[in-house]
Amino acid sequence: MDHTVSSRVLRRYFLSQLVEGLKVVWPILIAILSLMAILGFTVALFEHWKVFEGLYFAYVSGLTIGYGDFSPKTTVGRILAIGLGLLGILFTAMVAAVGVEALNATKRKHLL
């Protein structure tokens, strides 16, 4: 067997493994994103923001982008923001874990 594999073949195999991994965890990822939306709507309610602003805050904060243009002032809003941060960490960790597993599968298949 030829041990030189084209980068195109490696990328395609990696992407196929990534999609397969995401097929396994998608219900959990959707649940996390849904909980983030619910918390965002709840923060908007307590902070007297528009619904879209609460949703925007939830995903910008939870996905650790953090522009800082919205920040909760109430105690409840701040507590919910902590929950958003924890959900964002969980979401990012799951996506990263699927990516790492796809890389490992690619390595095992094509470099052994």
C-alpha atoms as a PDB file:
ATOM      1  CA  MET A   1       0.000   0.000   0.000  1.00  0.00           C
ATOM      2  CA  ASP A   2       1.249   3.457  -0.868  1.00  0.00           C
ATOM      3  CA  HIS A   3       1.750   5.464   2.332  1.00  0.00           C
ATOM      4  CA  THR A   4       1.443   8.819   0.621  1.00  0.00           C
ATOM      5  CA  VAL A   5      -2.169   9.868   0.742  1.00  0.00           C
ATOM      6  CA  SER A   6      -3.281  13.063  -0.932  1.00  0.00           C
ATOM      7  CA  SER A   7      -4.436  15.884   1.281  1.00  0.00           C
ATOM      8  CA  ARG A   8      -7.751  15.897  -0.584  1.00  0.00           C
ATOM      9  CA  VAL A   9      -8.403  12.291   0.475  1.00  0.00           C
ATOM     10  CA  LEU A  10      -7.466  13.121   4.077  1.00  0.00           C
ATOM     11  CA  ARG A  11      -9.764  16.156   4.150  1.00  0.00           C
ATOM     12  CA  ARG A  12     -12.675  14.204   2.718  1.00  0.00           C
ATOM     13  CA  TYR A  13     -12.210  11.390   5.206  1.00  0.00           C
ATOM     14  CA  PHE A  14     -11.892  13.859   8.074  1.00  0.00           C
ATOM     15  CA  LEU A  15     -15.079  15.654   7.032  1.00  0.00           C
ATOM     16  CA  SER A  16     -16.945  12.355   6.726  1.00  0.00           C
ATOM     17  CA  GLN A  17     -15.838  11.403  10.241  1.00  0.00           C
ATOM     18  CA  LEU A  18     -16.760  14.838  11.550  1.00  0.00           C
ATOM     19  CA  VAL A  19     -20.266  14.535  10.090  1.00  0.00           C
ATOM     20  CA  GLU A  20     -20.622  11.022  11.535  1.00  0.00           C
ATOM     21  CA  GLY A  21     -19.615  12.295  14.973  1.00  0.00           C
ATOM     22  CA  LEU A  22     -22.020  15.212  14.771  1.00  0.00           C
ATOM     23  CA  LYS A  23     -24.803  12.788  13.828  1.00  0.00           C
ATOM     24  CA  VAL A  24     -24.249  11.095  17.179  1.00  0.00           C
ATOM     25  CA  VAL A  25     -24.224  14.217  19.378  1.00  0.00           C
ATOM     26  CA  TRP A  26     -26.638  16.474  17.485  1.00  0.00           C
ATOM     27  CA  PRO A  27     -29.529  15.955  19.921  1.00  0.00           C
ATOM     28  CA  ILE A  28     -27.322  17.115  22.787  1.00  0.00           C
ATOM     29  CA  LEU A  29     -26.027  20.094  20.798  1.00  0.00           C
ATOM     30  CA  ILE A  30     -29.576  21.113  19.849  1.00  0.00           C
ATOM     31  CA  ALA A  31     -30.647  20.792  23.502  1.00  0.00           C
ATOM     32  CA  ILE A  32     -27.764  23.022  24.617  1.00  0.00           C
ATOM     33  CA  LEU A  33     -28.530  25.643  21.948  1.00  0.00           C
ATOM     34  CA  SER A  34     -32.220  25.532  22.914  1.00  0.00           C
ATOM     35  CA  LEU A  35     -31.408  26.005  26.598  1.00  0.00           C
ATOM     36  CA  MET A  36     -29.181  28.935  25.644  1.00  0.00           C
ATOM     37  CA  ALA A  37     -32.082  30.500  23.727  1.00  0.00           C
ATOM     38  CA  ILE A  38     -34.449  30.004  26.673  1.00  0.00           C
ATOM     39  CA  LEU A  39     -31.947  31.588  29.055  1.00  0.00           C
ATOM     40  CA  GLY A  40     -31.453  34.438  26.589  1.00  0.00           C
ATOM     41  CA  PHE A  41     -35.195  35.088  26.465  1.00  0.00           C
ATOM     42  CA  THR A  42     -35.322  34.967  30.258  1.00  0.00           C
ATOM     43  CA  VAL A  43     -32.437  37.424  30.597  1.00  0.00           C
ATOM     44  CA  ALA A  44     -34.208  39.732  28.148  1.00  0.00           C
ATOM     45  CA  LEU A  45     -37.319  39.597  30.316  1.00  0.00           C
ATOM     46  CA  PHE A  46     -35.457  40.540  33.503  1.00  0.00           C
ATOM     47  CA  GLU A  47     -33.275  43.157  31.810  1.00  0.00           C
ATOM     48  CA  HIS A  48     -36.150  44.717  29.841  1.00  0.00           C
ATOM     49  CA  TRP A  49     -34.414  44.011  26.539  1.00  0.00           C
ATOM     50  CA  LYS A  50     -36.041  43.119  23.257  1.00  0.00           C
ATOM     51  CA  VAL A  51     -36.336  39.381  22.610  1.00  0.00           C
ATOM     52  CA  PHE A  52     -33.742  39.496  19.823  1.00  0.00           C
ATOM     53  CA  GLU A  53     -31.309  41.321  22.120  1.00  0.00           C
ATOM     54  CA  GLY A  54     -31.644  38.559  24.706  1.00  0.00           C
ATOM     55  CA  LEU A  55     -31.060  35.880  22.078  1.00  0.00           C
ATOM     56  CA  TYR A  56     -28.094  37.819  20.710  1.00  0.00           C
ATOM     57  CA  PHE A  57     -26.666  38.199  24.216  1.00  0.00           C
ATOM     58  CA  ALA A  58     -27.116  34.487  24.907  1.00  0.00           C
ATOM     59  CA  TYR A  59     -25.178  33.289  21.881  1.00  0.00           C
ATOM     60  CA  VAL A  60     -22.514  36.005  21.915  1.00  0.00           C
ATOM     61  CA  SER A  61     -21.844  35.313  25.589  1.00  0.00           C
ATOM     62  CA  GLY A  62     -22.273  31.551  25.504  1.00  0.00           C
ATOM     63  CA  LEU A  63     -20.006  31.083  22.506  1.00  0.00           C
ATOM     64  CA  THR A  64     -17.379  33.248  24.252  1.00  0.00           C
ATOM     65  CA  ILE A  65     -17.389  36.004  21.655  1.00  0.00           C
ATOM     66  CA  GLY A  66     -18.403  38.580  24.250  1.00  0.00           C
ATOM     67  CA  TYR A  67     -18.630  41.923  22.462  1.00  0.00           C
ATOM     68  CA  GLY A  68     -19.720  43.604  25.685  1.00  0.00           C
ATOM     69  CA  ASP A  69     -22.468  45.678  24.091  1.00  0.00           C
ATOM     70  CA  PHE A  70     -25.050  43.999  26.336  1.00  0.00           C
ATOM     71  CA  SER A  71     -24.460  43.111  29.960  1.00  0.00           C
ATOM     72  CA  PRO A  72     -27.008  42.197  32.584  1.00  0.00           C
ATOM     73  CA  LYS A  73     -27.484  44.601  35.466  1.00  0.00           C
ATOM     74  CA  THR A  74     -29.889  42.572  37.603  1.00  0.00           C
ATOM     75  CA  THR A  75     -28.773  39.806  39.930  1.00  0.00           C
ATOM     76  CA  VAL A  76     -31.012  37.276  38.192  1.00  0.00           C
ATOM     77  CA  GLY A  77     -29.680  38.324  34.786  1.00  0.00           C
ATOM     78  CA  ARG A  78     -26.110  37.894  35.982  1.00  0.00           C
ATOM     79  CA  ILE A  79     -26.824  34.452  37.421  1.00  0.00           C
ATOM     80  CA  LEU A  80     -28.438  33.396  34.154  1.00  0.00           C
ATOM     81  CA  ALA A  81     -25.404  34.753  32.291  1.00  0.00           C
ATOM     82  CA  ILE A  82     -23.213  32.398  34.324  1.00  0.00           C
ATOM     83  CA  GLY A  83     -25.455  29.531  33.208  1.00  0.00           C
ATOM     84  CA  LEU A  84     -25.087  30.696  29.617  1.00  0.00           C
ATOM     85  CA  GLY A  85     -21.318  30.641  29.981  1.00  0.00           C
ATOM     86  CA  LEU A  86     -21.368  27.100  31.339  1.00  0.00           C
ATOM     87  CA  LEU A  87     -23.619  25.915  28.508  1.00  0.00           C
ATOM     88  CA  GLY A  88     -21.328  27.608  26.005  1.00  0.00           C
ATOM     89  CA  ILE A  89     -18.307  25.818  27.435  1.00  0.00           C
ATOM     90  CA  LEU A  90     -20.152  22.503  27.230  1.00  0.00           C
ATOM     91  CA  PHE A  91     -21.184  23.182  23.615  1.00  0.00           C
ATOM     92  CA  THR A  92     -17.657  24.141  22.572  1.00  0.00           C
ATOM     93  CA  ALA A  93     -16.158  21.128  24.344  1.00  0.00           C
ATOM     94  CA  MET A  94     -18.521  18.720  22.614  1.00  0.00           C
ATOM     95  CA  VAL A  95     -17.815  20.133  19.152  1.00  0.00           C
ATOM     96  CA  ALA A  96     -14.072  20.068  19.870  1.00  0.00           C
ATOM     97  CA  ALA A  97     -14.274  16.462  21.090  1.00  0.00           C
ATOM     98  CA  VAL A  98     -16.025  15.400  17.886  1.00  0.00           C
ATOM     99  CA  GLY A  99     -13.353  17.195  15.851  1.00  0.00           C
ATOM    100  CA  VAL A 100     -10.523  15.540  17.762  1.00  0.00           C
ATOM    101  CA  GLU A 101     -12.119  12.124  17.314  1.00  0.00           C
ATOM    102  CA  ALA A 102     -12.462  12.777  13.573  1.00  0.00           C
ATOM    103  CA  LEU A 103      -8.765  13.711  13.415  1.00  0.00           C
ATOM    104  CA  ASN A 104      -7.796  10.584  15.342  1.00  0.00           C
ATOM    105  CA  ALA A 105      -9.930   8.393  13.059  1.00  0.00           C
ATOM    106  CA  THR A 106      -8.277   9.979  10.025  1.00  0.00           C
ATOM    107  CA  LYS A 107      -4.844   9.354  11.484  1.00  0.00           C
ATOM    108  CA  ARG A 108      -5.636   5.739  12.358  1.00  0.00           C
ATOM    109  CA  LYS A 109      -7.037   4.986   8.916  1.00  0.00           C
ATOM    110  CA  HIS A 110      -4.488   6.716   6.720  1.00  0.00           C
ATOM    111  CA  LEU A 111      -1.246   6.763   8.646  1.00  0.00           C
ATOM    112  CA  LEU A 112      -1.055   3.208   9.960  1.00  0.00           C
END
